[in-house]
Amino acid sequence: DAARWTTTNVWVCVDWRRKIASGAMRTAYQMNEFTPSSRRGGSYTESVAKIFHTLPAGWTPRQRRDAHFNEAATQMVAEGFAREYNALPAVASNTRANKVAFASASVLELPGGKFANAEFLMPGVYVKHNNNYGHIGSRREVPQAFSHFTLERSRGSLIVVDIQGVGDFFTDPQIHTRDGRGYGVGNMGAAGIRQFHASHR
């Protein structure tokens, strides 16, 4: 349920000098995350903190906060579709078929009322397979097939695009909806869906 959130205390150390990547809307920085626990004191995770660098200047603090929750919710909705895709008989019964997944995303509330998105650091070669306006960035068929699947499974109401990550483990998707509502500032609505159709074969 994308509308249900849980909270936990966590210690983070963000290295603002270590920029991992920068996209159209957000910049990712190296971060170490410590989660306290009653067992062995807790655990460390190599992570990334993603900060918006392009949001409308007139947005209120509440709108800026909500933008980060929209990004995390988008990623979790995409993971829901990934599980449905993996359950397809042609995928589930084939040991050689590529199973897809999306990284778990969270929202960090930082000192000073600032927010960021967080997820663990993906080791490996990072590839952007398609973007949110129809461009195809790789020759791999699975990312395109997954985007097409989300459009079919949602009966044309939305599509998951901007597929990128390491192998078949993805992050930072964008969802376009037919009516243009929800899923953050990158939702291009019906125009985004049409652009996917224009380049998809």
Protein backbone atom coordinates (compact mmCIF):
# COMPACT_ATOMS: atom_id res chain seq x y z
CA ASP A 1 0.00 0.00 0.00
CA ALA A 2 1.80 3.12 -1.27
CA ALA A 3 -0.19 5.32 1.14
CA ARG A 4 0.96 3.50 4.30
CA TRP A 5 4.27 4.60 5.80
CA THR A 6 6.31 3.49 8.79
CA THR A 7 8.97 5.52 10.58
CA THR A 8 12.24 4.55 12.22
CA ASN A 9 15.24 6.34 13.67
CA VAL A 10 18.43 6.07 11.67
CA TRP A 11 21.86 7.69 11.74
CA VAL A 12 23.30 8.73 8.40
CA CYS A 13 26.53 10.28 7.19
CA VAL A 14 26.17 11.92 3.78
CA ASP A 15 29.36 12.85 1.95
CA TRP A 16 28.27 15.93 -0.01
CA ARG A 17 31.65 15.86 -1.79
CA ARG A 18 31.02 12.40 -3.26
CA LYS A 19 28.51 12.88 -6.07
CA ILE A 20 27.68 9.45 -7.46
CA ALA A 21 25.38 10.52 -10.29
CA SER A 22 23.17 13.36 -11.42
CA GLY A 23 19.96 13.01 -13.42
CA ALA A 24 17.39 15.40 -14.82
CA MET A 25 15.79 16.05 -11.42
CA ARG A 26 17.99 14.60 -8.64
CA THR A 27 21.61 14.21 -7.62
CA ALA A 28 22.82 11.13 -5.74
CA TYR A 29 25.46 11.36 -3.01
CA GLN A 30 27.34 8.63 -1.17
CA MET A 31 25.91 7.89 2.26
CA ASN A 32 26.52 5.49 5.12
CA GLU A 33 23.45 4.44 7.07
CA PHE A 34 23.39 3.00 10.57
CA THR A 35 20.22 1.36 11.87
CA PRO A 36 20.22 0.73 15.64
CA SER A 37 19.12 -2.67 16.86
CA SER A 38 18.99 -4.56 20.12
CA ARG A 39 20.97 -7.33 18.42
CA ARG A 40 24.69 -6.56 18.11
CA GLY A 41 24.00 -2.85 18.34
CA GLY A 42 22.79 -2.36 14.79
CA SER A 43 23.92 -2.53 11.16
CA TYR A 44 25.70 -0.36 8.60
CA THR A 45 24.58 -0.05 4.97
CA GLU A 46 26.35 1.63 2.07
CA SER A 47 23.63 3.81 0.61
CA VAL A 48 22.89 6.83 -1.53
CA ALA A 49 21.01 10.02 -0.68
CA LYS A 50 19.08 11.53 -3.59
CA ILE A 51 18.40 15.26 -3.48
CA PHE A 52 16.16 17.21 -5.85
CA HIS A 53 17.98 19.94 -7.72
CA THR A 54 15.03 20.97 -9.91
CA LEU A 55 11.77 21.79 -8.14
CA PRO A 56 9.51 24.77 -8.84
CA ALA A 57 10.80 27.84 -7.00
CA GLY A 58 7.39 28.72 -5.60
CA TRP A 59 6.75 25.36 -3.96
CA THR A 60 5.94 25.31 -0.25
CA PRO A 61 7.96 23.19 2.21
CA ARG A 62 5.01 20.74 2.27
CA GLN A 63 5.12 20.36 -1.52
CA ARG A 64 8.86 19.79 -1.44
CA ARG A 65 8.43 17.15 1.25
CA ASP A 66 5.64 15.44 -0.70
CA ALA A 67 7.85 15.27 -3.79
CA HIS A 68 10.16 12.86 -1.96
CA PHE A 69 7.28 10.69 -0.79
CA ASN A 70 5.98 10.60 -4.36
CA GLU A 71 9.35 9.35 -5.58
CA ALA A 72 9.47 6.56 -2.99
CA ALA A 73 5.85 5.58 -3.70
CA THR A 74 6.57 5.46 -7.45
CA GLN A 75 9.42 3.04 -6.84
CA MET A 76 7.27 0.80 -4.65
CA VAL A 77 4.43 0.73 -7.18
CA ALA A 78 6.99 -0.25 -9.83
CA GLU A 79 8.16 -3.09 -7.54
CA GLY A 80 4.56 -4.29 -7.30
CA PHE A 81 4.39 -4.54 -11.07
CA ALA A 82 7.77 -6.29 -11.08
CA ARG A 83 6.38 -9.03 -8.85
CA GLU A 84 3.40 -9.47 -11.16
CA TYR A 85 5.73 -9.62 -14.17
CA ASN A 86 7.90 -12.27 -12.50
CA ALA A 87 4.76 -14.31 -11.75
CA LEU A 88 3.84 -14.60 -15.44
CA PRO A 89 3.98 -18.30 -16.43
CA ALA A 90 6.45 -17.58 -19.23
CA VAL A 91 8.79 -15.91 -16.72
CA ALA A 92 8.17 -17.86 -13.51
CA SER A 93 8.52 -21.31 -15.14
CA ASN A 94 11.65 -20.44 -17.09
CA THR A 95 14.84 -20.62 -15.03
CA ARG A 96 16.66 -18.69 -17.76
CA ALA A 97 14.14 -15.84 -17.84
CA ASN A 98 15.22 -12.55 -16.37
CA LYS A 99 13.41 -11.69 -13.14
CA VAL A 100 13.21 -7.96 -12.46
CA ALA A 101 13.11 -5.99 -9.21
CA PHE A 102 13.27 -2.42 -7.92
CA ALA A 103 15.34 -1.17 -5.01
CA SER A 104 13.45 -0.37 -1.82
CA ALA A 105 13.27 3.41 -1.40
CA SER A 106 12.71 5.49 1.73
CA VAL A 107 12.41 9.15 2.70
CA LEU A 108 14.95 10.81 4.98
CA GLU A 109 14.02 13.79 7.10
CA LEU A 110 17.27 15.67 7.57
CA PRO A 111 18.16 18.45 10.02
CA GLY A 112 16.83 21.85 9.05
CA GLY A 113 13.58 20.52 7.63
CA LYS A 114 15.20 19.14 4.49
CA PHE A 115 14.32 15.82 2.87
CA ALA A 116 16.05 13.25 0.68
CA ASN A 117 15.33 9.84 -0.79
CA ALA A 118 17.53 6.97 0.28
CA GLU A 119 18.30 3.47 -0.95
CA PHE A 120 21.24 1.10 -0.76
CA LEU A 121 24.17 1.54 -3.14
CA MET A 122 24.01 -0.70 -6.23
CA PRO A 123 27.42 -2.18 -7.09
CA GLY A 124 28.12 -2.89 -10.74
CA VAL A 125 27.67 -1.29 -14.15
CA TYR A 126 24.75 1.14 -14.14
CA VAL A 127 22.73 1.34 -17.39
CA LYS A 128 19.78 3.53 -18.36
CA HIS A 129 17.59 1.42 -20.66
CA ASN A 130 14.85 3.92 -21.48
CA ASN A 131 13.84 7.36 -20.32
CA ASN A 132 10.55 9.05 -19.55
CA TYR A 133 9.96 10.37 -23.06
CA GLY A 134 10.42 7.42 -25.40
CA HIS A 135 14.20 7.24 -25.79
CA ILE A 136 15.69 3.73 -25.81
CA GLY A 137 19.14 3.64 -24.24
CA SER A 138 20.15 -0.01 -24.58
CA ARG A 139 19.55 -3.05 -26.76
CA ARG A 140 18.18 -5.17 -23.93
CA GLU A 141 14.62 -6.36 -24.47
CA VAL A 142 13.61 -7.07 -20.85
CA PRO A 143 13.33 -3.41 -19.72
CA GLN A 144 11.17 -2.56 -22.75
CA ALA A 145 9.06 -5.67 -22.24
CA PHE A 146 8.52 -4.74 -18.60
CA SER A 147 7.38 -1.21 -19.50
CA HIS A 148 4.99 -2.67 -22.08
CA PHE A 149 3.71 -5.15 -19.48
CA THR A 150 2.84 -2.38 -17.02
CA LEU A 151 0.79 -0.59 -19.67
CA GLU A 152 -1.10 -3.77 -20.53
CA ARG A 153 -1.58 -4.88 -16.91
CA SER A 154 -2.95 -1.46 -15.91
CA ARG A 155 -5.33 -1.54 -18.91
CA GLY A 156 -3.70 1.51 -20.35
CA SER A 157 -4.08 3.67 -17.27
CA LEU A 158 -0.32 4.00 -16.61
CA ILE A 159 3.13 2.91 -17.69
CA VAL A 160 6.42 2.46 -15.79
CA VAL A 161 9.36 3.89 -17.74
CA ASP A 162 12.78 5.43 -17.10
CA ILE A 163 14.06 1.92 -16.44
CA GLN A 164 17.66 1.98 -15.18
CA GLY A 165 19.95 0.14 -12.82
CA VAL A 166 22.41 -2.74 -12.59
CA GLY A 167 21.45 -5.92 -14.44
CA ASP A 168 17.75 -6.46 -13.85
CA PHE A 169 17.75 -4.63 -10.53
CA PHE A 170 16.30 -1.20 -11.20
CA THR A 171 15.80 2.16 -9.52
CA ASP A 172 14.48 5.68 -10.22
CA PRO A 173 11.51 4.71 -12.43
CA GLN A 174 8.93 7.20 -13.62
CA ILE A 175 5.22 6.49 -13.95
CA HIS A 176 3.09 8.25 -16.55
CA THR A 177 -0.67 8.08 -15.97
CA ARG A 178 -3.34 8.51 -18.61
CA ASP A 179 -4.88 11.40 -16.67
CA GLY A 180 -1.53 12.94 -15.67
CA ARG A 181 -2.24 12.68 -11.94
CA GLY A 182 0.11 11.44 -9.22
CA TYR A 183 3.65 10.04 -9.25
CA GLY A 184 5.60 13.25 -9.00
CA VAL A 185 6.72 16.08 -11.24
CA GLY A 186 8.01 13.72 -13.96
CA ASN A 187 4.55 12.38 -14.82
CA MET A 188 4.03 13.50 -18.43
CA GLY A 189 0.59 11.97 -18.65
CA ALA A 190 -0.83 10.71 -21.94
CA ALA A 191 1.99 12.42 -23.88
CA GLY A 192 4.56 10.27 -22.08
CA ILE A 193 2.61 7.12 -22.89
CA ARG A 194 2.39 8.11 -26.56
CA GLN A 195 6.14 8.68 -26.70
CA PHE A 196 6.75 5.15 -25.45
CA HIS A 197 4.47 3.79 -28.18
CA ALA A 198 6.31 5.85 -30.80
CA SER A 199 9.63 4.09 -30.17
CA HIS A 200 8.48 0.68 -28.87
CA ARG A 201 8.60 -2.33 -31.19
